[in-house]
Amino acid sequence: MNVPAQIKAYLANHPEPKRSDMQTLHQQIMHLMPECKLWLLNGRDDKGKVVSNPNIGYGSQTMKYVDAKKNKEFYQIGLSANTKGISVYIIGIEDKTYLSKNLW
């Protein structure tokens, strides 16, 4: 199954009203970033152990580790359902005040 189909199945798997809210957020992000790389992480590590909630990723960036010996491609925006609601992750913004200055 390709990533867009996996995302569609992931979104459909949630009960209402979370399903509709997640689908709306997904559509809005896709409207703003129509050509972005899509990710679906299942929340498991390399050994199959659950380490996080599954999440949808949008975009691509290179994450540089502190030791600078290795880099990793990762998404820029993440969307994840959890027991209390929905989490949106904005990753890799160098200006840590950007969101508060521009959104609130």
Protein backbone atom coordinates (compact mmCIF):
# COMPACT_ATOMS: atom_id res chain seq x y z
CA MET A 1 0.00 0.00 0.00
CA ASN A 2 1.42 3.43 -0.92
CA VAL A 3 1.78 6.21 1.64
CA PRO A 4 -1.32 8.22 0.59
CA ALA A 5 -3.42 5.04 0.89
CA GLN A 6 -1.85 4.26 4.28
CA ILE A 7 -2.65 7.80 5.46
CA LYS A 8 -6.24 7.47 4.26
CA ALA A 9 -6.59 4.18 6.20
CA TYR A 10 -4.94 5.70 9.30
CA LEU A 11 -7.34 8.65 9.26
CA ALA A 12 -10.39 6.43 8.68
CA ASN A 13 -9.43 4.29 11.68
CA HIS A 14 -10.23 7.01 14.23
CA PRO A 15 -13.65 7.54 15.80
CA GLU A 16 -15.60 10.75 15.27
CA PRO A 17 -15.12 13.61 15.90
CA LYS A 18 -11.35 13.01 15.87
CA ARG A 19 -11.55 11.47 12.37
CA SER A 20 -13.12 14.57 10.83
CA ASP A 21 -10.74 16.89 12.67
CA MET A 22 -7.70 14.89 11.51
CA GLN A 23 -9.00 14.79 7.92
CA THR A 24 -9.56 18.56 7.96
CA LEU A 25 -6.04 19.22 9.25
CA HIS A 26 -4.61 16.82 6.65
CA GLN A 27 -6.51 18.56 3.85
CA GLN A 28 -5.38 22.00 5.03
CA ILE A 29 -1.72 20.96 5.17
CA MET A 30 -1.99 19.35 1.73
CA HIS A 31 -3.58 22.55 0.39
CA LEU A 32 -0.63 24.58 1.70
CA MET A 33 2.03 22.03 0.69
CA PRO A 34 0.57 20.08 -2.27
CA GLU A 35 3.90 18.72 -3.52
CA CYS A 36 5.40 17.80 -0.15
CA LYS A 37 6.82 14.41 0.66
CA LEU A 38 4.36 12.35 2.73
CA TRP A 39 5.35 10.03 5.54
CA LEU A 40 3.44 7.61 7.73
CA LEU A 41 5.34 6.41 10.76
CA ASN A 42 3.76 3.51 12.59
CA GLY A 43 5.21 4.42 15.99
CA ARG A 44 7.47 1.37 16.24
CA ASP A 45 11.25 1.22 16.46
CA ASP A 46 13.51 -1.10 14.45
CA LYS A 47 12.77 -3.94 16.87
CA GLY A 48 8.99 -3.53 16.54
CA LYS A 49 8.54 -2.00 19.98
CA VAL A 50 5.89 0.74 20.23
CA VAL A 51 7.72 3.97 21.06
CA SER A 52 5.19 6.62 19.98
CA ASN A 53 1.76 7.11 18.50
CA PRO A 54 1.57 6.63 14.72
CA ASN A 55 1.92 9.91 12.87
CA ILE A 56 1.66 11.51 9.46
CA GLY A 57 4.63 13.56 8.29
CA TYR A 58 4.70 16.33 5.70
CA GLY A 59 7.73 17.74 3.91
CA SER A 60 11.37 16.83 4.23
CA GLN A 61 14.43 18.24 5.93
CA THR A 62 17.83 17.00 7.01
CA MET A 63 18.15 16.70 10.76
CA LYS A 64 21.73 17.18 11.95
CA TYR A 65 22.73 15.33 15.07
CA VAL A 66 24.70 17.11 17.78
CA ASP A 67 27.82 15.06 17.15
CA ALA A 68 27.56 16.07 13.44
CA LYS A 69 28.70 12.59 12.42
CA LYS A 70 25.38 11.63 10.90
CA ASN A 71 22.28 13.23 9.47
CA LYS A 72 18.77 11.92 9.00
CA GLU A 73 15.97 12.88 6.67
CA PHE A 74 12.81 13.67 8.60
CA TYR A 75 9.51 15.48 8.10
CA GLN A 76 8.84 19.18 8.84
CA ILE A 77 5.27 18.90 10.11
CA GLY A 78 3.79 15.94 11.99
CA LEU A 79 0.17 15.09 12.78
CA SER A 80 -0.75 12.48 15.36
CA ALA A 81 -3.83 11.34 17.23
CA ASN A 82 -3.45 10.58 20.92
CA THR A 83 -5.77 9.64 23.76
CA LYS A 84 -6.49 13.25 24.72
CA GLY A 85 -6.72 14.80 21.25
CA ILE A 86 -4.50 15.63 18.30
CA SER A 87 -0.86 16.72 18.28
CA VAL A 88 0.71 18.88 15.58
CA TYR A 89 4.50 18.96 15.48
CA ILE A 90 6.45 21.74 13.78
CA ILE A 91 10.05 20.59 13.51
CA GLY A 92 13.27 22.32 12.59
CA ILE A 93 12.39 26.00 12.91
CA GLU A 94 15.62 27.77 13.77
CA ASP A 95 13.88 30.90 15.11
CA LYS A 96 12.19 29.51 18.23
CA THR A 97 9.97 32.61 18.43
CA TYR A 98 8.67 32.39 14.83
CA LEU A 99 5.35 30.69 15.61
CA SER A 100 4.46 32.91 18.53
CA LYS A 101 5.32 36.03 16.52
CA ASN A 102 3.40 34.95 13.42
CA LEU A 103 0.41 32.98 14.72
CA TRP A 104 -0.65 34.64 17.97
